């Protein structure tokens, strides 16, 4: 077996990471050049700020830069007040430090966007040069951090810009991939007549859903700042979470094999129905990639066959012999299947509404 090194394939596979690397390199160089040109004595704060605020999208960078500046303003004021007290004794300085950082930490716990405030306050208090003007020291730090934030946002906007629309789509594709695998695993367990094996997919799906929500917030921030209109319905993350909850319900019903009578009557149509819904999740992914409409395929037909088989089993003598636990799992699976069908079709409708991102006037000038 031979290994062929293909640089073009490697670059294509890591294109997003390489673009982010270029943005960070250029922004860092710009911050270094700016603070040297302006003669800022501690201009490395601008460089640090660039490295902190640069995110994978314009909206993420804008949000991080705003949070950094707000937290810096609070921390700088508190640190400056502490430094103005002029305490040089170790015990007194320690008391001032814990008081200042404690106040900043309290505010940050109430307003998480200000989480950088305690760090800034401590650095300001401990790094203030003896005998220097506190007002000038505080002013310079705010200027340097503001400069770094501005450079970071401009770099995100102008250098190989990555809009949050694309990040939301990419992370949604990852979620749909997890959903597809989980549905097929449930179908395979039914076909084999075995319990659904434990899987790390649930934890991975939760993480992927949280990533979609974060990217959606960044996309909304871009739209609010008139940088881009992402065109993604706000209901998409909520619908994905509902599908995840449906998978939890159906997974619990399959933690043990269904009773033999239920397995004989329901295994085949239920597995076919789950497989059809997995295919629908895949077609939602394809529609997201191509900006097309979702092909519903044979989902409705498979779901109707499942419903018919369930009705026949419900009226059968075998259903009456099930104990409470077995009956709960069988009809719990039917309830989860109904919700899953509704929510996946709802997602398909949401995907149909998604339009390519639109660059707004602020980005066209």
Protein backbone atom coordinates (compact mmCIF):
# COMPACT_ATOMS: atom_id res chain seq x y z
CA UNK A 1 0.00 0.00 0.00
CA UNK A 2 1.52 3.33 -1.05
CA UNK A 3 0.86 6.74 0.42
CA UNK A 4 0.60 9.62 -1.98
CA UNK A 5 1.15 13.10 -0.58
CA UNK A 6 -1.22 15.54 -2.27
CA UNK A 7 -0.73 19.14 -1.09
CA UNK A 8 -3.83 20.38 -2.91
CA UNK A 9 -6.05 17.87 -1.09
CA UNK A 10 -4.44 18.76 2.24
CA UNK A 11 -4.99 22.48 1.63
CA UNK A 12 -8.60 21.92 0.59
CA UNK A 13 -9.33 19.81 3.67
CA UNK A 14 -7.92 22.48 5.98
CA UNK A 15 -8.96 25.57 4.03
CA UNK A 16 -10.87 27.19 6.92
CA UNK A 17 -7.99 26.71 9.34
CA UNK A 18 -5.49 28.09 6.84
CA UNK A 19 -7.64 31.16 6.18
CA UNK A 20 -7.90 31.80 9.91
CA UNK A 21 -4.13 31.43 10.23
CA UNK A 22 -3.59 34.03 7.53
CA UNK A 23 -6.01 36.43 9.23
CA UNK A 24 -4.28 36.05 12.60
CA UNK A 25 -0.80 36.51 11.10
CA UNK A 26 -1.76 39.67 9.23
CA UNK A 27 -3.67 41.12 12.20
CA UNK A 28 -0.79 40.40 14.58
CA UNK A 29 1.69 42.05 12.23
CA UNK A 30 -0.61 45.07 11.85
CA UNK A 31 -1.00 45.44 15.63
CA UNK A 32 2.76 45.21 16.14
CA UNK A 33 3.42 47.80 13.42
CA UNK A 34 0.69 50.09 14.76
CA UNK A 35 1.92 50.20 18.33
CA UNK A 36 5.53 50.68 17.24
CA UNK A 37 4.51 53.49 14.89
CA UNK A 38 2.39 55.19 17.56
CA UNK A 39 5.11 54.82 20.16
CA UNK A 40 2.90 53.10 22.73
CA UNK A 41 5.09 52.02 25.64
CA UNK A 42 3.16 48.85 26.42
CA UNK A 43 1.64 48.30 23.00
CA UNK A 44 1.94 44.55 23.35
CA UNK A 45 -1.56 44.80 24.87
CA UNK A 46 -2.77 45.49 21.33
CA UNK A 47 -1.10 42.31 20.08
CA UNK A 48 -2.53 40.25 22.94
CA UNK A 49 -5.98 41.65 22.21
CA UNK A 50 -5.76 40.65 18.55
CA UNK A 51 -4.84 37.10 19.53
CA UNK A 52 -7.71 36.94 22.03
CA UNK A 53 -10.49 38.38 19.87
CA UNK A 54 -9.77 36.74 16.50
CA UNK A 55 -12.51 34.14 15.97
CA UNK A 56 -13.59 31.92 13.09
CA UNK A 57 -16.12 34.44 11.77
CA UNK A 58 -16.73 38.18 11.55
CA UNK A 59 -19.60 38.00 14.03
CA UNK A 60 -17.54 36.00 16.52
CA UNK A 61 -14.62 38.43 16.28
CA UNK A 62 -16.92 41.43 16.65
CA UNK A 63 -18.52 39.92 19.74
CA UNK A 64 -15.18 39.00 21.31
CA UNK A 65 -13.76 42.47 20.60
CA UNK A 66 -16.80 44.15 22.15
CA UNK A 67 -16.66 41.92 25.23
CA UNK A 68 -12.93 42.54 25.56
CA UNK A 69 -13.35 46.31 25.38
CA UNK A 70 -16.25 46.40 27.85
CA UNK A 71 -14.42 44.16 30.29
CA UNK A 72 -11.27 46.22 29.89
CA UNK A 73 -13.10 49.46 30.65
CA UNK A 74 -14.47 48.06 33.88
CA UNK A 75 -11.21 46.36 34.87
CA UNK A 76 -9.14 49.43 33.99
CA UNK A 77 -11.32 51.71 36.09
CA UNK A 78 -11.24 49.38 39.09
CA UNK A 79 -7.52 48.68 38.69
CA UNK A 80 -6.83 52.40 38.27
CA UNK A 81 -8.74 53.21 41.46
CA UNK A 82 -6.72 50.59 43.30
CA UNK A 83 -3.45 51.90 41.88
CA UNK A 84 -4.41 55.48 42.79
CA UNK A 85 -4.49 54.47 46.45
CA UNK A 86 -0.71 54.19 46.21
CA UNK A 87 -0.35 51.19 48.53
CA UNK A 88 3.16 49.75 48.54
CA UNK A 89 3.03 47.61 51.68
CA UNK A 90 2.56 43.96 50.76
CA UNK A 91 -0.42 43.41 53.04
CA UNK A 92 -2.14 46.63 51.99
CA UNK A 93 -1.52 45.90 48.31
CA UNK A 94 -2.91 42.40 48.77
CA UNK A 95 -6.06 43.74 50.42
CA UNK A 96 -6.58 46.24 47.62
CA UNK A 97 -5.99 43.49 45.04
CA UNK A 98 -8.56 41.07 46.48
CA UNK A 99 -11.09 43.89 46.93
CA UNK A 100 -10.72 45.16 43.37
CA UNK A 101 -10.75 41.72 41.76
CA UNK A 102 -13.62 40.63 44.01
CA UNK A 103 -15.78 43.52 42.84
CA UNK A 104 -14.85 42.81 39.21
CA UNK A 105 -15.59 39.09 39.66
CA UNK A 106 -19.01 39.87 41.15
CA UNK A 107 -19.93 42.09 38.22
CA UNK A 108 -18.60 39.48 35.75
CA UNK A 109 -20.70 36.74 37.36
CA UNK A 110 -23.79 38.88 36.83
CA UNK A 111 -22.73 40.01 33.34
CA UNK A 112 -20.65 37.17 31.78
CA UNK A 113 -19.64 39.42 28.87
CA UNK A 114 -17.40 41.26 31.37
CA UNK A 115 -15.47 38.13 32.38
CA UNK A 116 -12.15 39.72 31.37
CA UNK A 117 -12.64 42.51 33.94
CA UNK A 118 -11.05 40.73 36.98
CA UNK A 119 -7.95 39.84 34.94
CA UNK A 120 -7.60 43.37 33.60
CA UNK A 121 -8.09 44.90 37.06
CA UNK A 122 -5.40 42.66 38.57
CA UNK A 123 -2.93 43.36 35.76
CA UNK A 124 -3.57 47.09 35.92
CA UNK A 125 -3.05 47.18 39.68
CA UNK A 126 0.07 45.01 39.74
CA UNK A 127 1.79 46.43 36.64
CA UNK A 128 1.28 50.17 37.27
CA UNK A 129 4.78 51.78 37.37
CA UNK A 130 5.51 53.47 40.73
CA UNK A 131 5.13 57.24 40.58
CA UNK A 132 3.44 57.28 37.19
CA UNK A 133 0.17 59.05 36.42
CA UNK A 134 -2.65 56.61 37.00
CA UNK A 135 -4.92 58.47 34.58
CA UNK A 136 -2.38 58.25 31.75
CA UNK A 137 -1.64 54.61 32.53
CA UNK A 138 -5.32 53.67 32.40
CA UNK A 139 -5.93 55.73 29.27
CA UNK A 140 -3.02 54.13 27.41
CA UNK A 141 -4.18 50.60 28.23
CA UNK A 142 -7.69 51.34 26.97
CA UNK A 143 -6.26 52.83 23.77
CA UNK A 144 -4.01 49.82 23.21
CA UNK A 145 -6.79 47.29 23.76
CA UNK A 146 -9.20 49.32 21.65
CA UNK A 147 -6.58 49.43 18.90
CA UNK A 148 -6.12 45.65 19.05
CA UNK A 149 -9.87 45.05 18.95
CA UNK A 150 -10.32 47.36 15.97
CA UNK A 151 -7.48 45.68 14.06
CA UNK A 152 -8.95 42.25 14.83
CA UNK A 153 -12.40 43.21 13.54
CA UNK A 154 -11.00 44.86 10.40
CA UNK A 155 -8.84 41.81 9.69
CA UNK A 156 -11.87 39.53 10.05
CA UNK A 157 -13.86 41.75 7.68
CA UNK A 158 -11.22 42.38 5.03
CA UNK A 159 -8.84 39.40 4.95
CA UNK A 160 -10.44 36.27 3.48
CA UNK A 161 -13.65 37.08 5.39
CA UNK A 162 -15.59 34.19 6.91
CA UNK A 163 -19.19 35.10 7.54
CA UNK A 164 -21.15 33.38 10.25
CA UNK A 165 -23.69 32.16 7.67
CA UNK A 166 -21.15 29.62 6.43
CA UNK A 167 -20.14 28.65 9.97
CA UNK A 168 -23.79 27.99 10.93
CA UNK A 169 -24.27 25.86 7.81
CA UNK A 170 -21.08 23.86 8.43
CA UNK A 171 -21.99 23.18 12.05
CA UNK A 172 -25.55 22.25 11.10
CA UNK A 173 -24.14 19.72 8.64
CA UNK A 174 -22.15 18.18 11.51
CA UNK A 175 -25.34 17.91 13.59
CA UNK A 176 -27.23 16.26 10.73
CA UNK A 177 -24.40 13.78 10.29
CA UNK A 178 -24.77 12.73 13.94
CA UNK A 179 -28.56 12.46 13.54
CA UNK A 180 -28.17 10.26 10.46
CA UNK A 181 -25.79 7.87 12.25
CA UNK A 182 -27.97 7.65 15.35
CA UNK A 183 -31.10 6.85 13.36
CA UNK A 184 -29.32 4.16 11.36
CA UNK A 185 -27.92 2.65 14.56
CA UNK A 186 -31.46 2.40 15.96
CA UNK A 187 -32.70 0.82 12.72
CA UNK A 188 -29.83 -1.70 12.77
CA UNK A 189 -30.61 -2.66 16.39
CA UNK A 190 -34.25 -3.34 15.47
CA UNK A 191 -33.29 -5.34 12.40
CA UNK A 192 -30.86 -7.46 14.43
CA UNK A 193 -33.33 -7.88 17.31
CA UNK A 194 -30.75 -6.58 19.78
CA UNK A 195 -30.59 -3.82 22.35
CA UNK A 196 -29.33 -0.47 21.11
CA UNK A 197 -25.60 -0.37 21.96
CA UNK A 198 -24.23 2.52 23.98
CA UNK A 199 -22.64 5.20 21.83
CA UNK A 200 -20.74 8.49 22.27
CA UNK A 201 -23.00 10.06 19.63
CA UNK A 202 -25.35 11.64 22.17
CA UNK A 203 -22.57 13.61 23.85
CA UNK A 204 -21.10 14.58 20.49
CA UNK A 205 -24.55 15.69 19.28
CA UNK A 206 -25.03 17.95 22.32
CA UNK A 207 -21.66 19.58 21.68
CA UNK A 208 -22.45 20.04 17.99
CA UNK A 209 -25.82 21.62 18.84
CA UNK A 210 -24.19 24.04 21.27
CA UNK A 211 -21.75 25.00 18.50
CA UNK A 212 -24.67 25.72 16.15
CA UNK A 213 -26.29 27.98 18.75
CA UNK A 214 -23.04 29.88 19.27
CA UNK A 215 -22.55 30.38 15.53
CA UNK A 216 -26.17 31.53 15.22
CA UNK A 217 -25.55 34.21 17.84
CA UNK A 218 -22.52 35.39 15.86
CA UNK A 219 -24.63 35.47 12.68
CA UNK A 220 -27.30 37.52 14.44
CA UNK A 221 -24.58 39.90 15.64
CA UNK A 222 -23.37 40.35 12.06
CA UNK A 223 -26.91 41.14 10.93
CA UNK A 224 -27.45 43.59 13.80
CA UNK A 225 -24.17 45.31 12.83
CA UNK A 226 -25.31 45.45 9.18
CA UNK A 227 -22.37 43.38 8.00
CA UNK A 228 -24.38 40.51 6.49
CA UNK A 229 -27.87 39.06 6.44
CA UNK A 230 -27.46 35.36 7.12
CA UNK A 231 -30.98 34.34 5.99
CA UNK A 232 -31.16 31.38 8.41
CA UNK A 233 -34.48 30.95 10.25
CA UNK A 234 -34.09 31.38 14.01
CA UNK A 235 -36.10 28.16 14.49
CA UNK A 236 -33.37 25.94 12.99
CA UNK A 237 -31.38 25.42 16.23
CA UNK A 238 -34.59 24.86 18.20
CA UNK A 239 -35.80 22.27 15.69
CA UNK A 240 -32.46 20.46 15.83
CA UNK A 241 -32.71 20.32 19.63
CA UNK A 242 -36.20 18.85 19.37
CA UNK A 243 -34.92 16.14 17.03
CA UNK A 244 -32.17 15.38 19.51
CA UNK A 245 -34.79 14.96 22.26
CA UNK A 246 -36.80 12.66 19.96
CA UNK A 247 -33.70 10.51 19.51
CA UNK A 248 -33.27 10.29 23.28
CA UNK A 249 -36.86 9.03 23.65
CA UNK A 250 -36.56 6.44 20.89
CA UNK A 251 -33.16 5.36 22.18
CA UNK A 252 -34.58 4.71 25.65
CA UNK A 253 -37.31 2.54 24.14
CA UNK A 254 -34.64 0.46 22.40
CA UNK A 255 -32.28 0.09 25.36
CA UNK A 256 -33.63 -3.44 25.54
CA UNK A 257 -34.91 -5.59 22.67
CA UNK A 258 -38.65 -5.24 22.07
CA UNK A 259 -40.81 -8.17 23.24
CA UNK A 260 -40.88 -11.01 20.67
CA UNK A 261 -44.48 -10.34 19.62
CA UNK A 262 -43.79 -6.62 19.13
CA UNK A 263 -40.51 -7.37 17.39
CA UNK A 264 -42.21 -9.68 14.89
CA UNK A 265 -44.91 -7.12 14.08
CA UNK A 266 -42.99 -3.84 14.26
CA UNK A 267 -39.26 -4.37 13.75
CA UNK A 268 -39.25 -4.28 9.96
CA UNK A 269 -41.60 -1.29 9.37
CA UNK A 270 -40.00 0.66 12.26
CA UNK A 271 -36.49 0.07 10.95
CA UNK A 272 -37.59 1.12 7.46
CA UNK A 273 -39.19 4.25 8.88
CA UNK A 274 -36.06 5.17 10.86
CA UNK A 275 -33.85 4.55 7.83
CA UNK A 276 -36.08 6.78 5.69
CA UNK A 277 -35.78 9.56 8.26
CA UNK A 278 -32.00 9.12 8.35
CA UNK A 279 -32.02 9.55 4.58
CA UNK A 280 -34.12 12.70 5.00
CA UNK A 281 -31.49 14.12 7.37
CA UNK A 282 -28.87 13.40 4.71
CA UNK A 283 -30.97 15.12 2.03
CA UNK A 284 -31.30 18.14 4.33
CA UNK A 285 -27.49 18.24 4.38
CA UNK A 286 -27.34 18.06 0.60
CA UNK A 287 -29.87 20.88 0.28
CA UNK A 288 -27.84 23.04 2.67
CA UNK A 289 -24.70 22.46 0.62
CA UNK A 290 -26.37 23.23 -2.71
CA UNK A 291 -28.85 25.89 -1.47
CA UNK A 292 -31.60 23.74 -2.98
CA UNK A 293 -34.90 22.32 -1.81
CA UNK A 294 -35.12 19.20 0.32
CA UNK A 295 -36.35 16.04 -1.42
CA UNK A 296 -38.74 14.35 1.04
CA UNK A 297 -38.27 10.99 -0.68
CA UNK A 298 -40.34 8.12 0.70
CA UNK A 299 -40.55 9.41 4.28
CA UNK A 300 -44.33 9.82 4.27
CA UNK A 301 -44.89 6.39 2.74
CA UNK A 302 -42.60 4.67 5.26
CA UNK A 303 -44.22 6.51 8.14
CA UNK A 304 -47.71 5.49 6.99
CA UNK A 305 -46.61 1.83 6.77
CA UNK A 306 -45.22 2.11 10.30
CA UNK A 307 -48.52 3.63 11.49
CA UNK A 308 -50.51 0.84 9.85
CA UNK A 309 -48.35 -1.84 11.45
CA UNK A 310 -48.66 -0.14 14.83
CA UNK A 311 -52.46 0.04 14.58
CA UNK A 312 -52.65 -3.66 13.67
CA UNK A 313 -50.41 -4.59 16.57
CA UNK A 314 -52.36 -2.39 19.01
CA UNK A 315 -55.58 -4.26 18.15
CA UNK A 316 -53.95 -7.68 18.29
CA UNK A 317 -54.19 -10.16 21.15
CA UNK A 318 -50.39 -10.05 21.50
CA UNK A 319 -50.50 -6.38 22.55
CA UNK A 320 -52.85 -7.24 25.41
CA UNK A 321 -50.33 -9.71 26.84
CA UNK A 322 -47.54 -7.14 27.24
CA UNK A 323 -46.62 -6.16 30.77
CA UNK A 324 -46.52 -2.53 31.84
CA UNK A 325 -42.81 -2.00 31.11
CA UNK A 326 -42.90 -3.67 27.68
CA UNK A 327 -46.06 -1.80 26.70
CA UNK A 328 -44.48 1.49 27.79
CA UNK A 329 -41.41 0.88 25.63
CA UNK A 330 -43.42 -0.12 22.55
CA UNK A 331 -45.79 2.81 22.65
CA UNK A 332 -43.04 5.14 23.86
CA UNK A 333 -41.20 4.25 20.66
CA UNK A 334 -44.35 5.03 18.66
CA UNK A 335 -44.70 8.41 20.40
CA UNK A 336 -41.03 9.27 19.72
CA UNK A 337 -41.42 8.21 16.08
CA UNK A 338 -44.37 10.56 15.63
CA UNK A 339 -42.44 13.48 17.09
CA UNK A 340 -39.38 12.61 15.04
CA UNK A 341 -41.42 12.55 11.84
CA UNK A 342 -42.98 15.92 12.59
CA UNK A 343 -39.71 17.59 13.61
CA UNK A 344 -37.64 16.31 10.69
CA UNK A 345 -40.27 17.50 8.23
CA UNK A 346 -40.29 20.83 10.05
CA UNK A 347 -36.50 21.00 9.68
CA UNK A 348 -36.80 20.24 5.96
CA UNK A 349 -39.20 23.17 5.65
CA UNK A 350 -36.75 25.43 7.49
CA UNK A 351 -33.91 24.34 5.19
CA UNK A 352 -36.08 25.21 2.19
CA UNK A 353 -36.26 28.77 3.55
CA UNK A 354 -32.50 29.27 3.86
CA UNK A 355 -31.10 31.66 1.29
CA UNK A 356 -27.46 32.46 0.46
CA UNK A 357 -25.98 35.13 2.70
CA UNK A 358 -26.47 38.74 1.60
CA UNK A 359 -23.76 41.33 2.08
CA UNK A 360 -25.29 44.58 3.33
CA UNK A 361 -24.47 48.16 2.47
CA UNK A 362 -21.84 48.52 5.16
CA UNK A 363 -19.89 45.72 3.52
CA UNK A 364 -20.33 46.96 -0.06
CA UNK A 365 -18.73 50.36 0.41
